[in-house]
Amino acid sequence: MENENMSTNNVLHGEPSAAVPLKFLRLPEVQARTGCSRSTIYLKISDGTFPRPTRLGGGSCRSVAWVESEINEWLRSRIAERDAAAFDGQEG
């Protein structure tokens, strides 16, 4: 039973953490990967259209970072939207 709980706790977005180690990205790396400015990233977060950052410290620590797999998923969804729009445009 303990092993079952451990395997459930080690899953993030359907991926076992042993197979895919978590990597955190700080804001400059997120900006570089997405091409978005700091203000655009935080605007999209408030709109619910961008992954939320994770607090890295406790208490008064203000350090945050994004889970790399969530940023990659967001980028893949932009590509899928682009491809769907191009496909829709060809049908008309």
Protein backbone atom coordinates (compact mmCIF):
# COMPACT_ATOMS: atom_id res chain seq x y z
CA MET A 1 0.00 0.00 0.00
CA GLU A 2 2.83 2.39 0.82
CA ASN A 3 4.36 1.86 -2.64
CA GLU A 4 1.02 2.68 -4.28
CA ASN A 5 0.83 5.98 -2.40
CA MET A 6 4.41 6.81 -3.30
CA SER A 7 3.81 6.17 -6.99
CA THR A 8 0.68 8.33 -6.91
CA ASN A 9 2.57 11.13 -5.17
CA ASN A 10 5.36 10.96 -7.75
CA VAL A 11 3.10 11.74 -10.69
CA LEU A 12 2.86 15.22 -12.17
CA HIS A 13 0.65 15.66 -15.20
CA GLY A 14 0.62 11.93 -15.80
CA GLU A 15 4.41 11.59 -15.90
CA PRO A 16 6.30 9.61 -13.24
CA SER A 17 8.91 11.86 -11.67
CA ALA A 18 11.50 9.07 -11.83
CA ALA A 19 11.21 8.97 -15.62
CA VAL A 20 11.01 12.74 -16.12
CA PRO A 21 12.86 14.75 -13.47
CA LEU A 22 11.38 18.15 -12.66
CA LYS A 23 13.29 21.16 -13.85
CA PHE A 24 12.44 24.69 -12.82
CA LEU A 25 12.92 27.72 -15.05
CA ARG A 26 13.46 31.22 -13.73
CA LEU A 27 11.84 34.23 -15.39
CA PRO A 28 14.70 35.11 -17.80
CA GLU A 29 14.65 31.56 -19.21
CA VAL A 30 10.83 31.61 -19.53
CA GLN A 31 11.10 34.93 -21.36
CA ALA A 32 13.77 33.54 -23.69
CA ARG A 33 11.78 30.40 -24.48
CA THR A 34 8.43 32.12 -25.01
CA GLY A 35 9.52 35.45 -26.47
CA CYS A 36 7.14 37.15 -24.01
CA SER A 37 8.05 40.08 -21.79
CA ARG A 38 7.73 39.94 -18.01
CA SER A 39 4.56 42.04 -18.08
CA THR A 40 2.98 39.88 -20.80
CA ILE A 41 3.76 36.69 -18.88
CA TYR A 42 2.14 38.03 -15.71
CA LEU A 43 -0.85 39.40 -17.67
CA LYS A 44 -1.39 35.96 -19.23
CA ILE A 45 -1.10 34.35 -15.78
CA SER A 46 -3.81 36.66 -14.46
CA ASP A 47 -5.96 35.83 -17.52
CA GLY A 48 -5.47 32.13 -16.84
CA THR A 49 -3.77 31.57 -20.20
CA PHE A 50 -0.23 30.87 -18.97
CA PRO A 51 1.18 28.44 -16.37
CA ARG A 52 1.47 29.81 -12.86
CA PRO A 53 4.90 29.91 -11.23
CA THR A 54 5.79 27.86 -8.16
CA ARG A 55 7.20 29.41 -5.00
CA LEU A 56 10.65 28.01 -4.35
CA GLY A 57 11.03 29.13 -0.78
CA GLY A 58 8.87 29.38 2.26
CA GLY A 59 7.89 32.27 4.45
CA SER A 60 9.01 35.64 3.14
CA CYS A 61 11.00 34.20 0.23
CA ARG A 62 9.68 35.71 -3.00
CA SER A 63 11.61 33.44 -5.34
CA VAL A 64 9.47 31.74 -7.99
CA ALA A 65 10.08 29.52 -11.00
CA TRP A 66 8.05 27.70 -13.63
CA VAL A 67 7.94 23.94 -14.18
CA GLU A 68 9.72 23.33 -17.49
CA SER A 69 7.23 20.70 -18.67
CA GLU A 70 4.35 23.15 -18.18
CA ILE A 71 6.12 25.80 -20.26
CA ASN A 72 6.87 23.21 -22.95
CA GLU A 73 3.21 22.15 -22.94
CA TRP A 74 2.13 25.79 -23.30
CA LEU A 75 4.49 26.22 -26.26
CA ARG A 76 3.20 23.01 -27.89
CA SER A 77 -0.37 24.28 -27.52
CA ARG A 78 0.59 27.52 -29.33
CA ILE A 79 1.97 25.42 -32.19
CA ALA A 80 -1.20 23.30 -32.25
CA GLU A 81 -3.35 26.46 -32.39
CA ARG A 82 -1.25 27.79 -35.26
CA ASP A 83 -1.54 24.53 -37.16
CA ALA A 84 -5.30 24.31 -36.57
CA ALA A 85 -5.77 27.89 -37.80
CA ALA A 86 -3.70 27.16 -40.92
CA PHE A 87 -5.75 24.00 -41.56
CA ASP A 88 -9.03 25.88 -41.08
CA GLY A 89 -7.84 28.60 -43.44
CA GLN A 90 -7.08 26.09 -46.21
CA GLU A 91 -10.58 24.63 -46.14
CA GLY A 92 -12.27 27.93 -46.89
